[in-house]
PDB file of all heavy atoms in Angstrom:
ATOM      1  N   GLY A   1     -47.428  14.413   6.175  1.00  0.00           N
ATOM      2  CA  GLY A   1     -46.893  13.234   5.508  1.00  0.00           C
ATOM      3  C   GLY A   1     -46.098  12.338   6.418  1.00  0.00           C
ATOM      4  O   GLY A   1     -45.541  11.341   5.975  1.00  0.00           O
ATOM      5  N   GLY A   2     -46.007  12.694   7.697  1.00  0.00           N
ATOM      6  CA  GLY A   2     -45.218  11.890   8.623  1.00  0.00           C
ATOM      7  C   GLY A   2     -43.733  11.984   8.359  1.00  0.00           C
ATOM      8  O   GLY A   2     -42.985  11.051   8.630  1.00  0.00           O
ATOM      9  N   LEU A   3     -43.287  13.129   7.825  1.00  0.00           N
ATOM     10  CA  LEU A   3     -41.881  13.312   7.493  1.00  0.00           C
ATOM     11  C   LEU A   3     -41.113  13.847   8.693  1.00  0.00           C
ATOM     12  O   LEU A   3     -41.669  14.517   9.558  1.00  0.00           O
ATOM     13  CB  LEU A   3     -41.729  14.328   6.346  1.00  0.00           C
ATOM     14  CG  LEU A   3     -42.525  14.101   5.080  1.00  0.00           C
ATOM     15  CD1 LEU A   3     -42.279  15.242   4.113  1.00  0.00           C
ATOM     16  CD2 LEU A   3     -42.149  12.791   4.451  1.00  0.00           C
ATOM     17  N   ALA A   4     -39.835  13.578   8.706  1.00  0.00           N
ATOM     18  CA  ALA A   4     -38.953  14.225   9.674  1.00  0.00           C
ATOM     19  C   ALA A   4     -38.776  15.679   9.232  1.00  0.00           C
ATOM     20  O   ALA A   4     -38.930  16.010   8.052  1.00  0.00           O
ATOM     21  CB  ALA A   4     -37.606  13.513   9.722  1.00  0.00           C
ATOM     22  N   LEU A   5     -38.457  16.550  10.171  1.00  0.00           N
ATOM     23  CA  LEU A   5     -38.309  17.968   9.833  1.00  0.00           C
ATOM     24  C   LEU A   5     -37.208  18.200   8.806  1.00  0.00           C
ATOM     25  O   LEU A   5     -37.362  19.016   7.898  1.00  0.00           O
ATOM     26  CB  LEU A   5     -38.034  18.795  11.084  1.00  0.00           C
ATOM     27  CG  LEU A   5     -39.206  18.975  12.040  1.00  0.00           C
ATOM     28  CD1 LEU A   5     -38.785  19.811  13.233  1.00  0.00           C
ATOM     29  CD2 LEU A   5     -40.392  19.591  11.348  1.00  0.00           C
ATOM     30  N   ASP A   6     -36.097  17.488   8.930  1.00  0.00           N
ATOM     31  CA  ASP A   6     -35.022  17.687   7.954  1.00  0.00           C
ATOM     32  C   ASP A   6     -35.430  17.195   6.568  1.00  0.00           C
ATOM     33  O   ASP A   6     -35.028  17.766   5.564  1.00  0.00           O
ATOM     34  CB  ASP A   6     -33.717  17.046   8.418  1.00  0.00           C
ATOM     35  CG  ASP A   6     -33.805  15.546   8.607  1.00  0.00           C
ATOM     36  OD1 ASP A   6     -34.918  15.043   8.818  1.00  0.00           O
ATOM     37  OD2 ASP A   6     -32.756  14.885   8.540  1.00  0.00           O
ATOM     38  N   GLU A   7     -36.264  16.157   6.492  1.00  0.00           N
ATOM     39  CA  GLU A   7     -36.765  15.698   5.197  1.00  0.00           C
ATOM     40  C   GLU A   7     -37.679  16.744   4.569  1.00  0.00           C
ATOM     41  O   GLU A   7     -37.608  17.011   3.368  1.00  0.00           O
ATOM     42  CB  GLU A   7     -37.531  14.377   5.349  1.00  0.00           C
ATOM     43  CG  GLU A   7     -36.667  13.192   5.699  1.00  0.00           C
ATOM     44  CD  GLU A   7     -37.487  11.943   5.995  1.00  0.00           C
ATOM     45  OE1 GLU A   7     -38.647  12.059   6.431  1.00  0.00           O
ATOM     46  OE2 GLU A   7     -36.941  10.839   5.785  1.00  0.00           O
ATOM     47  N   ALA A   8     -38.534  17.337   5.384  1.00  0.00           N
ATOM     48  CA  ALA A   8     -39.447  18.357   4.870  1.00  0.00           C
ATOM     49  C   ALA A   8     -38.688  19.603   4.420  1.00  0.00           C
ATOM     50  O   ALA A   8     -39.035  20.213   3.411  1.00  0.00           O
ATOM     51  CB  ALA A   8     -40.480  18.725   5.932  1.00  0.00           C
ATOM     52  N   CYS A   9     -37.646  19.975   5.148  1.00  0.00           N
ATOM     53  CA  CYS A   9     -36.865  21.164   4.780  1.00  0.00           C
ATOM     54  C   CYS A   9     -36.113  20.969   3.474  1.00  0.00           C
ATOM     55  O   CYS A   9     -35.861  21.934   2.757  1.00  0.00           O
ATOM     56  CB  CYS A   9     -35.881  21.512   5.892  1.00  0.00           C
ATOM     57  SG  CYS A   9     -36.659  22.168   7.373  1.00  0.00           S
ATOM     58  N   ARG A  10     -35.749  19.739   3.134  1.00  0.00           N
ATOM     59  CA  ARG A  10     -34.963  19.462   1.925  1.00  0.00           C
ATOM     60  C   ARG A  10     -35.813  19.139   0.701  1.00  0.00           C
ATOM     61  O   ARG A  10     -35.268  18.803  -0.351  1.00  0.00           O
ATOM     62  CB  ARG A  10     -34.024  18.281   2.177  1.00  0.00           C
ATOM     63  CG  ARG A  10     -32.889  18.555   3.105  1.00  0.00           C
ATOM     64  CD  ARG A  10     -31.891  17.401   3.070  1.00  0.00           C
ATOM     65  NE  ARG A  10     -32.536  16.106   3.092  1.00  0.00           N
ATOM     66  CZ  ARG A  10     -32.538  15.266   4.120  1.00  0.00           C
ATOM     67  NH1 ARG A  10     -31.904  15.598   5.214  1.00  0.00           N
ATOM     68  NH2 ARG A  10     -33.141  14.104   4.051  1.00  0.00           N
ATOM     69  N   LEU A  11     -37.119  19.243   0.801  1.00  0.00           N
ATOM     70  CA  LEU A  11     -37.971  18.884  -0.332  1.00  0.00           C
ATOM     71  C   LEU A  11     -37.715  19.787  -1.528  1.00  0.00           C
ATOM     72  O   LEU A  11     -37.523  20.991  -1.389  1.00  0.00           O
ATOM     73  CB  LEU A  11     -39.447  19.003   0.051  1.00  0.00           C
ATOM     74  CG  LEU A  11     -40.043  17.853   0.834  1.00  0.00           C
ATOM     75  CD1 LEU A  11     -41.495  18.153   1.177  1.00  0.00           C
ATOM     76  CD2 LEU A  11     -39.949  16.555   0.072  1.00  0.00           C
ATOM     77  N   GLU A  12     -37.719  19.177  -2.699  1.00  0.00           N
ATOM     78  CA  GLU A  12     -37.568  19.922  -3.944  1.00  0.00           C
ATOM     79  C   GLU A  12     -38.863  19.792  -4.736  1.00  0.00           C
ATOM     80  O   GLU A  12     -39.675  18.897  -4.488  1.00  0.00           O
ATOM     81  CB  GLU A  12     -36.388  19.377  -4.744  1.00  0.00           C
ATOM     82  CG  GLU A  12     -35.067  19.565  -4.036  1.00  0.00           C
ATOM     83  CD  GLU A  12     -33.883  19.120  -4.870  1.00  0.00           C
ATOM     84  OE1 GLU A  12     -34.056  18.902  -6.090  1.00  0.00           O
ATOM     85  OE2 GLU A  12     -32.790  19.002  -4.303  1.00  0.00           O
ATOM     86  N   SER A  13     -39.032  20.680  -5.697  1.00  0.00           N
ATOM     87  CA  SER A  13     -40.285  20.693  -6.453  1.00  0.00           C
ATOM     88  C   SER A  13     -40.537  19.382  -7.188  1.00  0.00           C
ATOM     89  O   SER A  13     -41.675  18.932  -7.292  1.00  0.00           O
ATOM     90  CB  SER A  13     -40.294  21.871  -7.428  1.00  0.00           C
ATOM     91  OG  SER A  13     -39.174  21.803  -8.279  1.00  0.00           O
ATOM     92  N   GLU A  14     -39.476  18.731  -7.670  1.00  0.00           N
ATOM     93  CA  GLU A  14     -39.676  17.470  -8.388  1.00  0.00           C
ATOM     94  C   GLU A  14     -39.982  16.292  -7.461  1.00  0.00           C
ATOM     95  O   GLU A  14     -40.320  15.201  -7.935  1.00  0.00           O
ATOM     96  CB  GLU A  14     -38.480  17.136  -9.289  1.00  0.00           C
ATOM     97  CG  GLU A  14     -37.163  17.112  -8.599  1.00  0.00           C
ATOM     98  CD  GLU A  14     -36.416  18.443  -8.656  1.00  0.00           C
ATOM     99  OE1 GLU A  14     -36.958  19.429  -9.132  1.00  0.00           O
ATOM    100  OE2 GLU A  14     -35.274  18.462  -8.176  1.00  0.00           O
ATOM    101  N   ASP A  15     -39.889  16.489  -6.152  1.00  0.00           N
ATOM    102  CA  ASP A  15     -40.234  15.440  -5.189  1.00  0.00           C
ATOM    103  C   ASP A  15     -41.747  15.311  -4.984  1.00  0.00           C
ATOM    104  O   ASP A  15     -42.206  14.341  -4.399  1.00  0.00           O
ATOM    105  CB  ASP A  15     -39.567  15.694  -3.835  1.00  0.00           C
ATOM    106  CG  ASP A  15     -38.062  15.584  -3.903  1.00  0.00           C
ATOM    107  OD1 ASP A  15     -37.558  14.887  -4.809  1.00  0.00           O
ATOM    108  OD2 ASP A  15     -37.384  16.202  -3.062  1.00  0.00           O
ATOM    109  N   ILE A  16     -42.505  16.301  -5.430  1.00  0.00           N
ATOM    110  CA  ILE A  16     -43.953  16.299  -5.243  1.00  0.00           C
ATOM    111  C   ILE A  16     -44.607  15.770  -6.517  1.00  0.00           C
ATOM    112  O   ILE A  16     -44.485  16.362  -7.580  1.00  0.00           O
ATOM    113  CB  ILE A  16     -44.479  17.722  -4.935  1.00  0.00           C
ATOM    114  CG1 ILE A  16     -43.712  18.346  -3.769  1.00  0.00           C
ATOM    115  CG2 ILE A  16     -45.974  17.691  -4.670  1.00  0.00           C
ATOM    116  CD1 ILE A  16     -43.808  17.610  -2.467  1.00  0.00           C
ATOM    117  N   ASP A  17     -45.294  14.649  -6.400  1.00  0.00           N
ATOM    118  CA  ASP A  17     -46.008  14.064  -7.524  1.00  0.00           C
ATOM    119  C   ASP A  17     -47.503  14.243  -7.257  1.00  0.00           C
ATOM    120  O   ASP A  17     -48.125  13.427  -6.580  1.00  0.00           O
ATOM    121  CB  ASP A  17     -45.645  12.591  -7.667  1.00  0.00           C
ATOM    122  CG  ASP A  17     -46.220  11.952  -8.915  1.00  0.00           C
ATOM    123  OD1 ASP A  17     -47.046  12.599  -9.587  1.00  0.00           O
ATOM    124  OD2 ASP A  17     -45.826  10.810  -9.219  1.00  0.00           O
ATOM    125  N   SER A  18     -48.064  15.327  -7.789  1.00  0.00           N
ATOM    126  CA  SER A  18     -49.463  15.648  -7.492  1.00  0.00           C
ATOM    127  C   SER A  18     -50.430  14.730  -8.249  1.00  0.00           C
ATOM    128  O   SER A  18     -51.565  14.564  -7.822  1.00  0.00           O
ATOM    129  CB  SER A  18     -49.754  17.107  -7.822  1.00  0.00           C
ATOM    130  OG  SER A  18     -49.516  17.372  -9.178  1.00  0.00           O
ATOM    131  N   LYS A  19     -49.999  14.136  -9.347  1.00  0.00           N
ATOM    132  CA  LYS A  19     -50.881  13.235 -10.086  1.00  0.00           C
ATOM    133  C   LYS A  19     -51.101  11.936  -9.320  1.00  0.00           C
ATOM    134  O   LYS A  19     -52.215  11.426  -9.247  1.00  0.00           O
ATOM    135  CB  LYS A  19     -50.308  12.940 -11.471  1.00  0.00           C
ATOM    136  CG  LYS A  19     -50.367  14.123 -12.388  1.00  0.00           C
ATOM    137  CD  LYS A  19     -49.803  13.792 -13.740  1.00  0.00           C
ATOM    138  CE  LYS A  19     -49.810  15.059 -14.595  1.00  0.00           C
ATOM    139  NZ  LYS A  19     -49.090  14.859 -15.838  1.00  0.00           N
ATOM    140  N   ARG A  20     -50.034  11.394  -8.769  1.00  0.00           N
ATOM    141  CA  ARG A  20     -50.136  10.145  -8.004  1.00  0.00           C
ATOM    142  C   ARG A  20     -50.313  10.399  -6.512  1.00  0.00           C
ATOM    143  O   ARG A  20     -50.455   9.459  -5.735  1.00  0.00           O
ATOM    144  CB  ARG A  20     -48.895   9.281  -8.213  1.00  0.00           C
ATOM    145  CG  ARG A  20     -48.753   8.831  -9.655  1.00  0.00           C
ATOM    146  CD  ARG A  20     -47.675   7.795  -9.829  1.00  0.00           C
ATOM    147  NE  ARG A  20     -46.394   8.200  -9.299  1.00  0.00           N
ATOM    148  CZ  ARG A  20     -45.382   7.376  -9.049  1.00  0.00           C
ATOM    149  NH1 ARG A  20     -45.512   6.099  -9.278  1.00  0.00           N
ATOM    150  NH2 ARG A  20     -44.240   7.836  -8.582  1.00  0.00           N
ATOM    151  N   MET A  21     -50.309  11.685  -6.109  1.00  0.00           N
ATOM    152  CA  MET A  21     -50.472  12.097  -4.703  1.00  0.00           C
ATOM    153  C   MET A  21     -49.421  11.428  -3.813  1.00  0.00           C
ATOM    154  O   MET A  21     -49.722  10.797  -2.807  1.00  0.00           O
ATOM    155  CB  MET A  21     -51.883  11.787  -4.196  1.00  0.00           C
ATOM    156  CG  MET A  21     -52.970  12.560  -4.926  1.00  0.00           C
ATOM    157  SD  MET A  21     -52.805  14.342  -4.746  1.00  0.00           S
ATOM    158  CE  MET A  21     -53.293  14.572  -3.057  1.00  0.00           C
ATOM    159  N   LEU A  22     -48.143  11.621  -4.216  1.00  0.00           N
ATOM    160  CA  LEU A  22     -47.020  11.046  -3.478  1.00  0.00           C
ATOM    161  C   LEU A  22     -45.929  12.085  -3.279  1.00  0.00           C
ATOM    162  O   LEU A  22     -45.762  13.001  -4.080  1.00  0.00           O
ATOM    163  CB  LEU A  22     -46.420   9.860  -4.243  1.00  0.00           C
ATOM    164  CG  LEU A  22     -47.281   8.623  -4.398  1.00  0.00           C
ATOM    165  CD1 LEU A  22     -46.615   7.636  -5.344  1.00  0.00           C
ATOM    166  CD2 LEU A  22     -47.541   7.973  -3.059  1.00  0.00           C
ATOM    167  N   ILE A  23     -45.178  11.904  -2.209  1.00  0.00           N
ATOM    168  CA  ILE A  23     -43.956  12.666  -1.957  1.00  0.00           C
ATOM    169  C   ILE A  23     -42.805  11.682  -2.065  1.00  0.00           C
ATOM    170  O   ILE A  23     -42.809  10.629  -1.412  1.00  0.00           O
ATOM    171  CB  ILE A  23     -43.952  13.322  -0.558  1.00  0.00           C
ATOM    172  CG1 ILE A  23     -45.125  14.277  -0.402  1.00  0.00           C
ATOM    173  CG2 ILE A  23     -42.638  14.039  -0.298  1.00  0.00           C
ATOM    174  CD1 ILE A  23     -45.269  14.834   0.998  1.00  0.00           C
ATOM    175  N   ARG A  24     -41.827  12.016  -2.875  1.00  0.00           N
ATOM    176  CA  ARG A  24     -40.663  11.149  -3.078  1.00  0.00           C
ATOM    177  C   ARG A  24     -39.555  11.592  -2.137  1.00  0.00           C
ATOM    178  O   ARG A  24     -39.197  12.765  -2.080  1.00  0.00           O
ATOM    179  CB  ARG A  24     -40.179  11.262  -4.520  1.00  0.00           C
ATOM    180  CG  ARG A  24     -38.985  10.411  -4.825  1.00  0.00           C
ATOM    181  CD  ARG A  24     -38.529  10.696  -6.261  1.00  0.00           C
ATOM    182  NE  ARG A  24     -37.470   9.827  -6.662  1.00  0.00           N
ATOM    183  CZ  ARG A  24     -36.181  10.076  -6.445  1.00  0.00           C
ATOM    184  NH1 ARG A  24     -35.818  11.180  -5.839  1.00  0.00           N
ATOM    185  NH2 ARG A  24     -35.258   9.227  -6.845  1.00  0.00           N
ATOM    186  N   LEU A  25     -39.011  10.649  -1.391  1.00  0.00           N
ATOM    187  CA  LEU A  25     -37.905  10.924  -0.475  1.00  0.00           C
ATOM    188  C   LEU A  25     -36.738  10.015  -0.824  1.00  0.00           C
ATOM    189  O   LEU A  25     -36.937   8.841  -1.117  1.00  0.00           O
ATOM    190  CB  LEU A  25     -38.319  10.657   0.972  1.00  0.00           C
ATOM    191  CG  LEU A  25     -39.480  11.465   1.515  1.00  0.00           C
ATOM    192  CD1 LEU A  25     -39.884  10.929   2.874  1.00  0.00           C
ATOM    193  CD2 LEU A  25     -39.119  12.922   1.607  1.00  0.00           C
ATOM    194  N   ASP A  26     -35.547  10.559  -0.792  1.00  0.00           N
ATOM    195  CA  ASP A  26     -34.370   9.723  -0.960  1.00  0.00           C
ATOM    196  C   ASP A  26     -34.099   9.038   0.360  1.00  0.00           C
ATOM    197  O   ASP A  26     -33.791   9.688   1.358  1.00  0.00           O
ATOM    198  CB  ASP A  26     -33.159  10.555  -1.390  1.00  0.00           C
ATOM    199  CG  ASP A  26     -33.315  11.070  -2.808  1.00  0.00           C
ATOM    200  OD1 ASP A  26     -33.900  10.346  -3.631  1.00  0.00           O
ATOM    201  OD2 ASP A  26     -32.864  12.192  -3.085  1.00  0.00           O
ATOM    202  N   ALA A  27     -34.251   7.730   0.377  1.00  0.00           N
ATOM    203  CA  ALA A  27     -34.060   6.968   1.604  1.00  0.00           C
ATOM    204  C   ALA A  27     -32.579   6.912   1.945  1.00  0.00           C
ATOM    205  O   ALA A  27     -31.739   6.656   1.084  1.00  0.00           O
ATOM    206  CB  ALA A  27     -34.630   5.567   1.455  1.00  0.00           C
ATOM    207  N   LYS A  28     -32.266   7.159   3.198  1.00  0.00           N
ATOM    208  CA  LYS A  28     -30.877   7.118   3.647  1.00  0.00           C
ATOM    209  C   LYS A  28     -30.370   5.683   3.619  1.00  0.00           C
ATOM    210  O   LYS A  28     -31.009   4.781   4.123  1.00  0.00           O
ATOM    211  CB  LYS A  28     -30.779   7.674   5.068  1.00  0.00           C
ATOM    212  CG  LYS A  28     -31.168   9.118   5.154  1.00  0.00           C
ATOM    213  CD  LYS A  28     -31.169   9.590   6.592  1.00  0.00           C
ATOM    214  CE  LYS A  28     -31.677  11.008   6.666  1.00  0.00           C
ATOM    215  NZ  LYS A  28     -31.899  11.432   8.026  1.00  0.00           N
ATOM    216  N   GLY A  29     -29.219   5.491   3.010  1.00  0.00           N
ATOM    217  CA  GLY A  29     -28.594   4.178   2.998  1.00  0.00           C
ATOM    218  C   GLY A  29     -29.241   3.194   2.043  1.00  0.00           C
ATOM    219  O   GLY A  29     -28.983   2.008   2.117  1.00  0.00           O
ATOM    220  N   SER A  30     -30.107   3.662   1.162  1.00  0.00           N
ATOM    221  CA  SER A  30     -30.766   2.763   0.230  1.00  0.00           C
ATOM    222  C   SER A  30     -30.719   3.368  -1.167  1.00  0.00           C
ATOM    223  O   SER A  30     -30.745   4.572  -1.343  1.00  0.00           O
ATOM    224  CB  SER A  30     -32.223   2.557   0.657  1.00  0.00           C
ATOM    225  OG  SER A  30     -32.909   1.817  -0.318  1.00  0.00           O
ATOM    226  N   ALA A  31     -30.654   2.508  -2.158  1.00  0.00           N
ATOM    227  CA  ALA A  31     -30.637   2.977  -3.538  1.00  0.00           C
ATOM    228  C   ALA A  31     -32.035   3.318  -4.027  1.00  0.00           C
ATOM    229  O   ALA A  31     -32.194   4.027  -5.003  1.00  0.00           O
ATOM    230  CB  ALA A  31     -30.025   1.913  -4.441  1.00  0.00           C
ATOM    231  N   TRP A  32     -33.065   2.829  -3.332  1.00  0.00           N
ATOM    232  CA  TRP A  32     -34.434   3.041  -3.752  1.00  0.00           C
ATOM    233  C   TRP A  32     -35.045   4.209  -3.001  1.00  0.00           C
ATOM    234  O   TRP A  32     -34.884   4.332  -1.792  1.00  0.00           O
ATOM    235  CB  TRP A  32     -35.265   1.786  -3.487  1.00  0.00           C
ATOM    236  CG  TRP A  32     -34.820   0.627  -4.313  1.00  0.00           C
ATOM    237  CD1 TRP A  32     -33.919  -0.329  -3.948  1.00  0.00           C
ATOM    238  CD2 TRP A  32     -35.207   0.329  -5.642  1.00  0.00           C
ATOM    239  NE1 TRP A  32     -33.729  -1.216  -4.959  1.00  0.00           N
ATOM    240  CE2 TRP A  32     -34.520  -0.835  -6.022  1.00  0.00           C
ATOM    241  CE3 TRP A  32     -36.062   0.922  -6.550  1.00  0.00           C
ATOM    242  CZ2 TRP A  32     -34.671  -1.404  -7.269  1.00  0.00           C
ATOM    243  CZ3 TRP A  32     -36.206   0.342  -7.788  1.00  0.00           C
ATOM    244  CH2 TRP A  32     -35.520  -0.798  -8.134  1.00  0.00           C
ATOM    245  N   PRO A  33     -35.785   5.047  -3.691  1.00  0.00           N
ATOM    246  CA  PRO A  33     -36.464   6.142  -2.988  1.00  0.00           C
ATOM    247  C   PRO A  33     -37.656   5.628  -2.188  1.00  0.00           C
ATOM    248  O   PRO A  33     -38.178   4.542  -2.450  1.00  0.00           O
ATOM    249  CB  PRO A  33     -36.916   7.065  -4.119  1.00  0.00           C
ATOM    250  CG  PRO A  33     -37.048   6.181  -5.297  1.00  0.00           C
ATOM    251  CD  PRO A  33     -36.017   5.109  -5.132  1.00  0.00           C
ATOM    252  N   LYS A  34     -38.069   6.427  -1.248  1.00  0.00           N
ATOM    253  CA  LYS A  34     -39.234   6.101  -0.426  1.00  0.00           C
ATOM    254  C   LYS A  34     -40.360   7.036  -0.866  1.00  0.00           C
ATOM    255  O   LYS A  34     -40.129   8.218  -1.096  1.00  0.00           O
ATOM    256  CB  LYS A  34     -38.867   6.336   1.042  1.00  0.00           C
ATOM    257  CG  LYS A  34     -39.961   6.065   2.032  1.00  0.00           C
ATOM    258  CD  LYS A  34     -39.390   6.138   3.436  1.00  0.00           C
ATOM    259  CE  LYS A  34     -40.070   7.201   4.240  1.00  0.00           C
ATOM    260  NZ  LYS A  34     -39.600   7.293   5.612  1.00  0.00           N
TER     261      LYS A  34
END
């Protein structure tokens, strides 16, 4: 997914959206997720 290692280590089950085939990341310094 082109994630940083610390982002991958912090993934939670609700961050994986298998229906839309997306990984949700909390963007640093932003109110909007990536």
